[in-house]
Amino acid sequence: MDSLEQGVQMRTAMNPKAEELKRRTRKFLLDVIALVRTFPKTLDGESIGRQLVRAAAGVAGNYRSSCRARSHAEFTAKIGVVLDESDESELWLSVPIPNPQ
């Protein structure tokens, strides 16, 4: 591990707010996966479920990536992606999925 990697890991490990958000975004992803498993096995349910899981994974993965940013500009760009993915997650969570009759 080079000194840049060590510095980034030290900054992240020393920031309890960043660690808490890592934990919360991971929990969000796991909660979404559990929710999607309850969706009906229909074209609607499976399509929306896939999109929702991808967006939630984007929130968790991109937040972790932002914690490793090498500059403020890179951090800002990566957090912007997290915001986009969380907005998309909100969209998919708001779409009603009809139960098969």
Foldseek 3Di string as FASTA:
>chain_A
DDPLQVVLVVVCVVDVVLVVVLVVLVVQLVVLLVVLVPFDPDPVSVVLSVQLNVLSVLLNVLSVVLSSDPDPVRNVVSVVSNVVSVVSNVVSVPDDDDDDD
